[in-house]
Amino acid sequence: MTSKYPYQGLGIKLGDPFAVTYKYYFNKKMAVAIDVGKASSGLYNRYFREKFDQYVIRDTFATSDASIDYYTHKVLSDIIGEVKLLYHIDASMVSQGLQVYVGAGWEWKNTKLQYDYTYKADVFSPDKFGRFERTRFTMGPQAVVGIEYANFKIPISAFMELEYFADIQADPGWRRAEGGVGLRYIF
């Protein structure tokens, strides 16, 4: 493939998130990438478990002997959108077609959770089960570093990237490493 800038790539990213990925290459140095997909909810299992106490309003259980205990939770949906501006550095001295990139972006994440719990009004009453749902919307900046290989003998690029996300919305100060590997068809 003998491509001239600008060109585009469309593909899939495996990791956190599992996403459809689009990349627009302005020139040899600059590109923008957009990923939309599903978060790897299992990686956040402990985090969502710890959020249970924030969602429960204990004031509604009036007696001092009342108790409410976490039982389990389920992620009903977990959608992520990312936009990243990337700066590419030619690394062809290592391997023809190899590039290293760094960048910054913004991430949005919408998660719908379902919590199950047990409730006991007093020490003499049997356990009762309850359920509630919560939707969490988070967003924040992210830093990106990655490598990409495309020699254009076939119109495919392979990439691997690591992202560092900082939440400023639902849980300010919470940070998380994310990333994945993927392939894009170049056109």
N, C-alpha and C. Protein backbone atom coordinates (compact mmCIF):
# COMPACT_ATOMS: atom_id res chain seq x y z
N MET A 1 0.85 -1.19 0.00
CA MET A 1 0.00 0.00 0.00
C MET A 1 0.88 1.23 0.00
N THR A 2 0.66 2.13 -0.90
CA THR A 2 1.41 3.38 -0.95
C THR A 2 0.46 4.50 -0.59
N SER A 3 0.36 4.77 0.67
CA SER A 3 -0.60 5.74 1.17
C SER A 3 0.03 7.10 1.33
N LYS A 4 -0.74 8.10 1.08
CA LYS A 4 -0.34 9.49 1.30
C LYS A 4 -1.16 10.03 2.47
N TYR A 5 -0.55 10.90 3.23
CA TYR A 5 -1.27 11.49 4.35
C TYR A 5 -2.26 12.51 3.82
N PRO A 6 -3.38 12.70 4.48
CA PRO A 6 -3.86 11.96 5.65
C PRO A 6 -4.45 10.61 5.24
N TYR A 7 -4.43 9.68 6.16
CA TYR A 7 -5.11 8.41 5.97
C TYR A 7 -5.76 7.99 7.28
N GLN A 8 -6.52 6.88 7.22
CA GLN A 8 -7.33 6.48 8.36
C GLN A 8 -7.15 5.00 8.68
N GLY A 9 -7.50 4.62 9.89
CA GLY A 9 -7.48 3.23 10.30
C GLY A 9 -8.72 2.91 11.11
N LEU A 10 -9.28 1.73 10.87
CA LEU A 10 -10.47 1.29 11.59
C LEU A 10 -10.24 -0.16 12.02
N GLY A 11 -10.49 -0.44 13.31
CA GLY A 11 -10.21 -1.79 13.77
C GLY A 11 -10.80 -2.10 15.12
N ILE A 12 -10.10 -2.99 15.82
CA ILE A 12 -10.57 -3.48 17.11
C ILE A 12 -9.42 -3.45 18.11
N LYS A 13 -9.76 -3.16 19.35
CA LYS A 13 -8.78 -3.11 20.44
C LYS A 13 -9.22 -4.11 21.50
N LEU A 14 -8.32 -4.98 21.90
CA LEU A 14 -8.58 -5.95 22.97
C LEU A 14 -7.88 -5.49 24.23
N GLY A 15 -8.59 -5.46 25.33
CA GLY A 15 -8.00 -5.01 26.59
C GLY A 15 -9.03 -4.25 27.39
N ASP A 16 -8.59 -3.20 28.01
CA ASP A 16 -9.47 -2.36 28.81
C ASP A 16 -9.41 -0.95 28.23
N PRO A 17 -10.35 -0.60 27.37
CA PRO A 17 -11.57 -1.28 27.01
C PRO A 17 -11.41 -2.22 25.81
N PHE A 18 -12.39 -3.12 25.66
CA PHE A 18 -12.57 -3.89 24.44
C PHE A 18 -13.38 -2.96 23.54
N ALA A 19 -12.80 -2.51 22.42
CA ALA A 19 -13.42 -1.40 21.72
C ALA A 19 -13.25 -1.47 20.21
N VAL A 20 -14.12 -0.76 19.53
CA VAL A 20 -13.93 -0.42 18.13
C VAL A 20 -13.04 0.82 18.15
N THR A 21 -12.00 0.83 17.33
CA THR A 21 -11.05 1.92 17.35
C THR A 21 -10.91 2.55 15.97
N TYR A 22 -10.84 3.86 15.94
CA TYR A 22 -10.68 4.63 14.71
C TYR A 22 -9.49 5.57 14.92
N LYS A 23 -8.65 5.68 13.90
CA LYS A 23 -7.49 6.57 14.00
C LYS A 23 -7.36 7.37 12.71
N TYR A 24 -7.20 8.67 12.85
CA TYR A 24 -7.00 9.56 11.72
C TYR A 24 -5.58 10.11 11.80
N TYR A 25 -4.78 9.79 10.80
CA TYR A 25 -3.38 10.22 10.74
C TYR A 25 -3.31 11.52 9.94
N PHE A 26 -3.09 12.63 10.61
CA PHE A 26 -3.00 13.92 9.93
C PHE A 26 -1.75 13.96 9.05
N ASN A 27 -0.64 13.53 9.62
CA ASN A 27 0.65 13.50 8.94
C ASN A 27 1.53 12.46 9.64
N LYS A 28 2.83 12.45 9.33
CA LYS A 28 3.72 11.44 9.94
C LYS A 28 3.83 11.56 11.45
N LYS A 29 3.59 12.74 11.98
CA LYS A 29 3.80 12.97 13.41
C LYS A 29 2.53 13.01 14.25
N MET A 30 1.41 13.44 13.70
CA MET A 30 0.21 13.68 14.50
C MET A 30 -0.97 12.80 14.05
N ALA A 31 -1.71 12.33 15.05
CA ALA A 31 -2.92 11.54 14.78
C ALA A 31 -3.90 11.73 15.92
N VAL A 32 -5.15 11.41 15.65
CA VAL A 32 -6.17 11.39 16.69
C VAL A 32 -6.82 10.01 16.66
N ALA A 33 -7.05 9.44 17.83
CA ALA A 33 -7.67 8.12 17.95
C ALA A 33 -8.94 8.22 18.78
N ILE A 34 -9.95 7.48 18.35
CA ILE A 34 -11.23 7.43 19.06
C ILE A 34 -11.56 5.96 19.31
N ASP A 35 -11.79 5.60 20.57
CA ASP A 35 -12.15 4.24 20.94
C ASP A 35 -13.51 4.27 21.64
N VAL A 36 -14.39 3.37 21.26
CA VAL A 36 -15.69 3.23 21.91
C VAL A 36 -15.92 1.74 22.15
N GLY A 37 -16.21 1.40 23.40
CA GLY A 37 -16.42 -0.01 23.68
C GLY A 37 -16.84 -0.27 25.11
N LYS A 38 -16.52 -1.48 25.55
CA LYS A 38 -16.93 -1.97 26.86
C LYS A 38 -15.71 -2.12 27.76
N ALA A 39 -15.83 -1.64 28.97
CA ALA A 39 -14.75 -1.78 29.95
C ALA A 39 -14.63 -3.24 30.37
N SER A 40 -13.46 -3.60 30.82
CA SER A 40 -13.23 -4.94 31.38
C SER A 40 -13.72 -4.92 32.82
N SER A 41 -15.01 -5.09 33.00
CA SER A 41 -15.66 -4.91 34.30
C SER A 41 -15.06 -5.78 35.40
N GLY A 42 -14.58 -6.96 35.05
CA GLY A 42 -13.98 -7.83 36.06
C GLY A 42 -12.78 -7.22 36.75
N LEU A 43 -12.07 -6.35 36.05
CA LEU A 43 -10.92 -5.67 36.64
C LEU A 43 -11.34 -4.67 37.72
N TYR A 44 -12.59 -4.25 37.69
CA TYR A 44 -13.09 -3.25 38.63
C TYR A 44 -13.97 -3.86 39.71
N ASN A 45 -14.00 -5.18 39.80
CA ASN A 45 -14.89 -5.87 40.72
C ASN A 45 -14.72 -5.40 42.17
N ARG A 46 -13.50 -5.37 42.65
CA ARG A 46 -13.25 -4.93 44.03
C ARG A 46 -13.65 -3.46 44.24
N TYR A 47 -13.34 -2.64 43.26
CA TYR A 47 -13.69 -1.22 43.33
C TYR A 47 -15.21 -1.04 43.46
N PHE A 48 -15.99 -1.74 42.61
CA PHE A 48 -17.45 -1.62 42.68
C PHE A 48 -17.98 -2.19 43.99
N ARG A 49 -17.36 -3.22 44.51
CA ARG A 49 -17.77 -3.79 45.80
C ARG A 49 -17.60 -2.76 46.91
N GLU A 50 -16.48 -2.04 46.88
CA GLU A 50 -16.21 -1.04 47.92
C GLU A 50 -17.15 0.15 47.83
N LYS A 51 -17.76 0.39 46.69
CA LYS A 51 -18.69 1.52 46.52
C LYS A 51 -20.07 1.25 47.11
N PHE A 52 -20.36 0.00 47.48
CA PHE A 52 -21.68 -0.37 48.02
C PHE A 52 -22.08 0.52 49.19
N ASP A 53 -21.19 0.71 50.15
CA ASP A 53 -21.52 1.49 51.34
C ASP A 53 -21.87 2.94 51.02
N GLN A 54 -21.30 3.50 49.96
CA GLN A 54 -21.63 4.87 49.58
C GLN A 54 -23.06 4.98 49.04
N TYR A 55 -23.55 3.89 48.45
CA TYR A 55 -24.87 3.92 47.84
C TYR A 55 -26.01 3.59 48.81
N VAL A 56 -25.70 2.95 49.90
CA VAL A 56 -26.72 2.53 50.86
C VAL A 56 -27.01 3.68 51.82
N ILE A 57 -28.28 3.98 51.99
CA ILE A 57 -28.68 5.03 52.93
C ILE A 57 -29.09 4.33 54.22
N ARG A 58 -28.17 4.29 55.15
CA ARG A 58 -28.42 3.56 56.41
C ARG A 58 -29.44 4.27 57.30
N ASP A 59 -29.70 5.56 57.08
CA ASP A 59 -30.66 6.28 57.90
C ASP A 59 -32.08 5.71 57.75
N THR A 60 -32.33 5.02 56.65
CA THR A 60 -33.68 4.48 56.45
C THR A 60 -33.95 3.27 57.35
N PHE A 61 -32.91 2.73 57.93
CA PHE A 61 -33.06 1.60 58.84
C PHE A 61 -33.01 2.15 60.27
N ALA A 62 -34.17 2.44 60.80
CA ALA A 62 -34.29 3.25 62.01
C ALA A 62 -33.76 2.60 63.29
N THR A 63 -34.00 1.34 63.48
CA THR A 63 -33.61 0.75 64.76
C THR A 63 -32.10 0.54 64.81
N SER A 64 -31.56 0.60 66.00
CA SER A 64 -30.11 0.46 66.18
C SER A 64 -29.66 -0.97 65.91
N ASP A 65 -30.58 -1.94 66.00
CA ASP A 65 -30.23 -3.33 65.74
C ASP A 65 -30.29 -3.68 64.25
N ALA A 66 -30.77 -2.77 63.43
CA ALA A 66 -30.90 -3.05 61.99
C ALA A 66 -29.52 -3.19 61.36
N SER A 67 -29.45 -4.08 60.37
CA SER A 67 -28.19 -4.24 59.65
C SER A 67 -28.46 -4.48 58.18
N ILE A 68 -27.62 -3.95 57.36
CA ILE A 68 -27.68 -4.17 55.92
C ILE A 68 -26.29 -4.60 55.48
N ASP A 69 -26.20 -5.69 54.75
CA ASP A 69 -24.91 -6.24 54.35
C ASP A 69 -24.87 -6.51 52.85
N TYR A 70 -23.77 -6.16 52.27
CA TYR A 70 -23.52 -6.44 50.86
C TYR A 70 -23.64 -7.95 50.62
N TYR A 71 -24.30 -8.33 49.51
CA TYR A 71 -24.39 -9.74 49.15
C TYR A 71 -23.62 -9.99 47.85
N THR A 72 -23.96 -9.26 46.80
CA THR A 72 -23.25 -9.38 45.51
C THR A 72 -23.61 -8.19 44.63
N HIS A 73 -22.90 -8.06 43.53
CA HIS A 73 -23.26 -7.04 42.55
C HIS A 73 -23.04 -7.57 41.14
N LYS A 74 -23.70 -6.90 40.19
CA LYS A 74 -23.57 -7.27 38.78
C LYS A 74 -23.43 -5.97 37.98
N VAL A 75 -22.54 -5.98 37.00
CA VAL A 75 -22.40 -4.84 36.11
C VAL A 75 -23.37 -5.06 34.95
N LEU A 76 -24.38 -4.22 34.84
CA LEU A 76 -25.38 -4.35 33.79
C LEU A 76 -24.89 -3.78 32.46
N SER A 77 -24.14 -2.70 32.52
CA SER A 77 -23.51 -2.13 31.33
C SER A 77 -22.32 -1.29 31.77
N ASP A 78 -21.33 -1.21 30.90
CA ASP A 78 -20.10 -0.48 31.23
C ASP A 78 -19.48 0.02 29.93
N ILE A 79 -19.87 1.20 29.50
CA ILE A 79 -19.48 1.74 28.20
C ILE A 79 -18.42 2.82 28.38
N ILE A 80 -17.39 2.75 27.54
CA ILE A 80 -16.29 3.72 27.59
C ILE A 80 -16.15 4.39 26.22
N GLY A 81 -15.87 5.68 26.24
CA GLY A 81 -15.50 6.44 25.05
C GLY A 81 -14.21 7.18 25.34
N GLU A 82 -13.28 7.16 24.39
CA GLU A 82 -11.99 7.84 24.56
C GLU A 82 -11.65 8.62 23.29
N VAL A 83 -11.06 9.78 23.47
CA VAL A 83 -10.51 10.56 22.37
C VAL A 83 -9.09 10.93 22.78
N LYS A 84 -8.12 10.63 21.88
CA LYS A 84 -6.70 10.85 22.21
C LYS A 84 -5.99 11.55 21.05
N LEU A 85 -5.20 12.55 21.37
CA LEU A 85 -4.33 13.21 20.40
C LEU A 85 -2.94 12.62 20.59
N LEU A 86 -2.36 12.10 19.49
CA LEU A 86 -1.12 11.34 19.58
C LEU A 86 0.00 11.96 18.75
N TYR A 87 1.21 11.91 19.32
CA TYR A 87 2.42 12.38 18.63
C TYR A 87 3.28 11.16 18.34
N HIS A 88 3.56 10.90 17.06
CA HIS A 88 4.32 9.73 16.63
C HIS A 88 5.80 10.05 16.47
N ILE A 89 6.64 9.09 16.87
CA ILE A 89 8.08 9.20 16.74
C ILE A 89 8.54 7.99 15.92
N ASP A 90 9.26 8.25 14.85
CA ASP A 90 9.73 7.18 13.96
C ASP A 90 10.76 6.31 14.68
N ALA A 91 10.52 5.01 14.70
CA ALA A 91 11.45 4.05 15.32
C ALA A 91 11.90 3.02 14.29
N SER A 92 12.00 3.44 13.00
CA SER A 92 12.35 2.51 11.93
C SER A 92 13.79 2.00 12.05
N MET A 93 14.64 2.66 12.85
CA MET A 93 16.00 2.14 13.04
C MET A 93 15.97 0.83 13.83
N VAL A 94 14.89 0.58 14.59
CA VAL A 94 14.71 -0.68 15.31
C VAL A 94 14.10 -1.72 14.36
N SER A 95 13.03 -1.33 13.67
CA SER A 95 12.35 -2.20 12.71
C SER A 95 11.59 -1.32 11.73
N GLN A 96 11.73 -1.62 10.44
CA GLN A 96 11.05 -0.84 9.41
C GLN A 96 9.54 -0.83 9.65
N GLY A 97 8.92 0.35 9.72
CA GLY A 97 7.49 0.48 9.93
C GLY A 97 7.08 0.65 11.38
N LEU A 98 8.04 0.65 12.30
CA LEU A 98 7.73 0.78 13.73
C LEU A 98 7.69 2.25 14.13
N GLN A 99 6.68 2.60 14.92
CA GLN A 99 6.56 3.94 15.47
C GLN A 99 6.23 3.85 16.96
N VAL A 100 6.74 4.79 17.71
CA VAL A 100 6.40 4.94 19.12
C VAL A 100 5.53 6.19 19.19
N TYR A 101 4.53 6.19 20.07
CA TYR A 101 3.72 7.40 20.19
C TYR A 101 3.40 7.70 21.65
N VAL A 102 3.19 8.98 21.90
CA VAL A 102 2.76 9.48 23.21
C VAL A 102 1.60 10.43 22.95
N GLY A 103 0.79 10.62 23.97
CA GLY A 103 -0.33 11.52 23.76
C GLY A 103 -1.14 11.76 25.02
N ALA A 104 -2.18 12.51 24.82
CA ALA A 104 -3.10 12.85 25.90
C ALA A 104 -4.51 12.80 25.36
N GLY A 105 -5.44 12.55 26.25
CA GLY A 105 -6.82 12.46 25.80
C GLY A 105 -7.81 12.63 26.93
N TRP A 106 -9.03 12.24 26.64
CA TRP A 106 -10.13 12.35 27.60
C TRP A 106 -10.95 11.08 27.51
N GLU A 107 -11.40 10.60 28.66
CA GLU A 107 -12.20 9.37 28.71
C GLU A 107 -13.51 9.64 29.42
N TRP A 108 -14.58 9.05 28.88
CA TRP A 108 -15.90 9.05 29.51
C TRP A 108 -16.29 7.61 29.77
N LYS A 109 -16.90 7.35 30.92
CA LYS A 109 -17.29 5.99 31.27
C LYS A 109 -18.65 6.03 31.95
N ASN A 110 -19.58 5.23 31.45
CA ASN A 110 -20.92 5.15 32.02
C ASN A 110 -21.17 3.69 32.45
N THR A 111 -21.37 3.48 33.74
CA THR A 111 -21.52 2.14 34.29
C THR A 111 -22.85 2.02 35.01
N LYS A 112 -23.59 0.96 34.71
CA LYS A 112 -24.84 0.69 35.42
C LYS A 112 -24.63 -0.56 36.26
N LEU A 113 -24.83 -0.42 37.57
CA LEU A 113 -24.58 -1.50 38.53
C LEU A 113 -25.88 -1.94 39.20
N GLN A 114 -25.94 -3.21 39.52
CA GLN A 114 -27.05 -3.76 40.30
C GLN A 114 -26.47 -4.42 41.54
N TYR A 115 -26.91 -3.95 42.71
CA TYR A 115 -26.42 -4.49 43.98
C TYR A 115 -27.52 -5.31 44.65
N ASP A 116 -27.13 -6.45 45.19
CA ASP A 116 -28.01 -7.27 46.04
C ASP A 116 -27.47 -7.21 47.45
N TYR A 117 -28.37 -7.17 48.43
CA TYR A 117 -27.95 -7.07 49.83
C TYR A 117 -28.91 -7.85 50.71
N THR A 118 -28.48 -8.10 51.92
CA THR A 118 -29.36 -8.71 52.92
C THR A 118 -29.66 -7.66 53.99
N TYR A 119 -30.86 -7.74 54.52
CA TYR A 119 -31.30 -6.77 55.52
C TYR A 119 -31.94 -7.53 56.68
N LYS A 120 -31.57 -7.11 57.86
CA LYS A 120 -32.15 -7.69 59.07
C LYS A 120 -32.61 -6.51 59.93
N ALA A 121 -33.92 -6.44 60.22
CA ALA A 121 -34.48 -5.33 60.99
C ALA A 121 -34.00 -5.35 62.44
N ASP A 122 -33.87 -6.54 63.00
CA ASP A 122 -33.35 -6.69 64.36
C ASP A 122 -32.77 -8.10 64.48
N VAL A 123 -32.20 -8.40 65.63
CA VAL A 123 -31.54 -9.70 65.80
C VAL A 123 -32.50 -10.88 65.74
N PHE A 124 -33.80 -10.65 65.95
CA PHE A 124 -34.77 -11.74 65.98
C PHE A 124 -35.45 -11.98 64.63
N SER A 125 -35.33 -11.06 63.70
CA SER A 125 -36.02 -11.23 62.41
C SER A 125 -35.13 -11.97 61.41
N PRO A 126 -35.78 -12.66 60.46
CA PRO A 126 -34.99 -13.38 59.44
C PRO A 126 -34.37 -12.40 58.44
N ASP A 127 -33.34 -12.87 57.75
CA ASP A 127 -32.72 -12.05 56.70
C ASP A 127 -33.70 -11.84 55.55
N LYS A 128 -33.71 -10.63 55.02
CA LYS A 128 -34.50 -10.32 53.84
C LYS A 128 -33.52 -9.87 52.76
N PHE A 129 -33.87 -10.14 51.52
CA PHE A 129 -33.02 -9.73 50.41
C PHE A 129 -33.57 -8.47 49.77
N GLY A 130 -32.68 -7.62 49.33
CA GLY A 130 -33.06 -6.40 48.63
C GLY A 130 -32.15 -6.19 47.42
N ARG A 131 -32.56 -5.29 46.56
CA ARG A 131 -31.80 -5.00 45.36
C ARG A 131 -32.01 -3.54 44.97
N PHE A 132 -30.94 -2.92 44.49
CA PHE A 132 -31.06 -1.58 43.92
C PHE A 132 -30.05 -1.42 42.80
N GLU A 133 -30.27 -0.40 41.96
CA GLU A 133 -29.38 -0.11 40.84
C GLU A 133 -28.82 1.29 40.97
N ARG A 134 -27.62 1.47 40.49
CA ARG A 134 -26.98 2.79 40.45
C ARG A 134 -26.28 2.94 39.11
N THR A 135 -26.29 4.16 38.61
CA THR A 135 -25.54 4.49 37.40
C THR A 135 -24.43 5.45 37.78
N ARG A 136 -23.21 5.09 37.36
CA ARG A 136 -22.03 5.93 37.63
C ARG A 136 -21.55 6.53 36.32
N PHE A 137 -21.37 7.83 36.31
CA PHE A 137 -20.77 8.49 35.14
C PHE A 137 -19.45 9.09 35.59
N THR A 138 -18.38 8.67 34.96
CA THR A 138 -17.06 9.19 35.28
C THR A 138 -16.42 9.74 34.02
N MET A 139 -15.48 10.63 34.22
CA MET A 139 -14.70 11.16 33.10
C MET A 139 -13.43 11.77 33.65
N GLY A 140 -12.47 11.94 32.74
CA GLY A 140 -11.23 12.55 33.15
C GLY A 140 -10.15 12.43 32.10
N PRO A 141 -9.01 13.07 32.37
CA PRO A 141 -7.90 13.05 31.42
C PRO A 141 -7.18 11.71 31.44
N GLN A 142 -6.49 11.43 30.36
CA GLN A 142 -5.66 10.24 30.30
C GLN A 142 -4.38 10.54 29.52
N ALA A 143 -3.31 9.89 29.94
CA ALA A 143 -2.02 9.95 29.24
C ALA A 143 -1.85 8.62 28.52
N VAL A 144 -1.22 8.65 27.35
CA VAL A 144 -1.10 7.46 26.52
C VAL A 144 0.34 7.30 26.04
N VAL A 145 0.82 6.07 26.04
CA VAL A 145 2.11 5.73 25.41
C VAL A 145 1.89 4.41 24.68
N GLY A 146 2.47 4.29 23.48
CA GLY A 146 2.25 3.07 22.73
C GLY A 146 3.25 2.86 21.62
N ILE A 147 3.13 1.70 20.98
CA ILE A 147 3.92 1.40 19.79
C ILE A 147 2.96 0.92 18.71
N GLU A 148 3.33 1.20 17.46
CA GLU A 148 2.50 0.80 16.33
C GLU A 148 3.41 0.33 15.21
N TYR A 149 2.99 -0.74 14.57
CA TYR A 149 3.76 -1.29 13.46
C TYR A 149 2.88 -1.36 12.22
N ALA A 150 3.35 -0.74 11.14
CA ALA A 150 2.65 -0.78 9.85
C ALA A 150 3.69 -0.55 8.76
N ASN A 151 3.96 -1.58 7.96
CA ASN A 151 4.92 -1.36 6.87
C ASN A 151 4.23 -1.22 5.53
N PHE A 152 2.92 -1.33 5.49
CA PHE A 152 2.07 -1.08 4.32
C PHE A 152 2.25 -2.06 3.18
N LYS A 153 2.92 -3.19 3.42
CA LYS A 153 2.89 -4.26 2.41
C LYS A 153 1.49 -4.87 2.41
N ILE A 154 0.86 -4.85 3.57
CA ILE A 154 -0.56 -5.14 3.68
C ILE A 154 -1.18 -3.97 4.44
N PRO A 155 -2.43 -3.63 4.16
CA PRO A 155 -3.02 -2.43 4.78
C PRO A 155 -3.50 -2.64 6.21
N ILE A 156 -2.62 -3.13 7.08
CA ILE A 156 -2.96 -3.41 8.47
C ILE A 156 -1.90 -2.78 9.37
N SER A 157 -2.33 -2.19 10.46
CA SER A 157 -1.39 -1.72 11.49
C SER A 157 -1.72 -2.46 12.79
N ALA A 158 -0.68 -2.84 13.51
CA ALA A 158 -0.83 -3.47 14.82
C ALA A 158 -0.32 -2.50 15.86
N PHE A 159 -1.00 -2.43 16.99
CA PHE A 159 -0.57 -1.49 18.03
C PHE A 159 -0.73 -2.09 19.41
N MET A 160 0.01 -1.51 20.33
CA MET A 160 -0.07 -1.86 21.75
C MET A 160 0.07 -0.54 22.51
N GLU A 161 -0.82 -0.30 23.46
CA GLU A 161 -0.75 0.96 24.19
C GLU A 161 -1.09 0.80 25.65
N LEU A 162 -0.57 1.72 26.44
CA LEU A 162 -0.82 1.79 27.87
C LEU A 162 -1.36 3.19 28.16
N GLU A 163 -2.47 3.24 28.91
CA GLU A 163 -3.12 4.51 29.23
C GLU A 163 -3.19 4.66 30.75
N TYR A 164 -3.14 5.89 31.19
CA TYR A 164 -3.27 6.20 32.61
C TYR A 164 -4.42 7.19 32.76
N PHE A 165 -5.50 6.76 33.42
CA PHE A 165 -6.73 7.53 33.54
C PHE A 165 -6.88 8.09 34.95
N ALA A 166 -7.31 9.34 35.05
CA ALA A 166 -7.59 9.97 36.34
C ALA A 166 -9.04 10.48 36.34
N ASP A 167 -9.85 9.97 37.25
CA ASP A 167 -11.26 10.35 37.35
C ASP A 167 -11.39 11.71 38.02
N ILE A 168 -12.18 12.59 37.42
CA ILE A 168 -12.44 13.90 38.04
C ILE A 168 -13.92 14.09 38.35
N GLN A 169 -14.77 13.10 38.00
CA GLN A 169 -16.21 13.26 38.13
C GLN A 169 -16.78 12.51 39.34
N ALA A 170 -16.90 11.21 39.25
CA ALA A 170 -17.59 10.42 40.28
C ALA A 170 -16.71 10.15 41.50
N ASP A 171 -15.42 10.00 41.29
CA ASP A 171 -14.50 9.66 42.38
C ASP A 171 -13.18 10.41 42.17
N PRO A 172 -13.20 11.74 42.35
CA PRO A 172 -12.01 12.54 42.08
C PRO A 172 -10.77 12.01 42.81
N GLY A 173 -9.70 11.92 42.06
CA GLY A 173 -8.46 11.43 42.62
C GLY A 173 -8.21 9.96 42.34
N TRP A 174 -9.25 9.22 41.90
CA TRP A 174 -9.07 7.81 41.59
C TRP A 174 -8.34 7.67 40.27
N ARG A 175 -7.33 6.81 40.23
CA ARG A 175 -6.52 6.63 39.03
C ARG A 175 -6.45 5.15 38.67
N ARG A 176 -6.25 4.90 37.37
CA ARG A 176 -6.25 3.51 36.90
C ARG A 176 -5.41 3.38 35.64
N ALA A 177 -4.59 2.34 35.56
CA ALA A 177 -3.87 2.00 34.33
C ALA A 177 -4.80 1.16 33.46
N GLU A 178 -4.82 1.47 32.18
CA GLU A 178 -5.64 0.77 31.21
C GLU A 178 -4.80 0.52 29.96
N GLY A 179 -5.36 -0.12 28.98
CA GLY A 179 -4.65 -0.29 27.72
C GLY A 179 -5.02 -1.57 27.03
N GLY A 180 -4.33 -1.85 25.93
CA GLY A 180 -4.62 -3.06 25.19
C GLY A 180 -3.79 -3.17 23.93
N VAL A 181 -4.15 -4.15 23.13
CA VAL A 181 -3.51 -4.40 21.84
C VAL A 181 -4.60 -4.42 20.79
N GLY A 182 -4.22 -4.13 19.54
CA GLY A 182 -5.23 -4.13 18.52
C GLY A 182 -4.69 -4.12 17.11
N LEU A 183 -5.63 -4.21 16.17
CA LEU A 183 -5.34 -4.15 14.75
C LEU A 183 -6.27 -3.15 14.10
N ARG A 184 -5.74 -2.42 13.12
CA ARG A 184 -6.58 -1.49 12.33
C ARG A 184 -6.34 -1.74 10.86
N TYR A 185 -7.42 -1.70 10.10
CA TYR A 185 -7.31 -1.72 8.64
C TYR A 185 -7.04 -0.29 8.19
N ILE A 186 -5.99 -0.09 7.41
CA ILE A 186 -5.58 1.25 6.99
C ILE A 186 -6.14 1.54 5.60
N PHE A 187 -6.75 2.71 5.46
CA PHE A 187 -7.28 3.12 4.16
C PHE A 187 -7.11 4.61 3.94
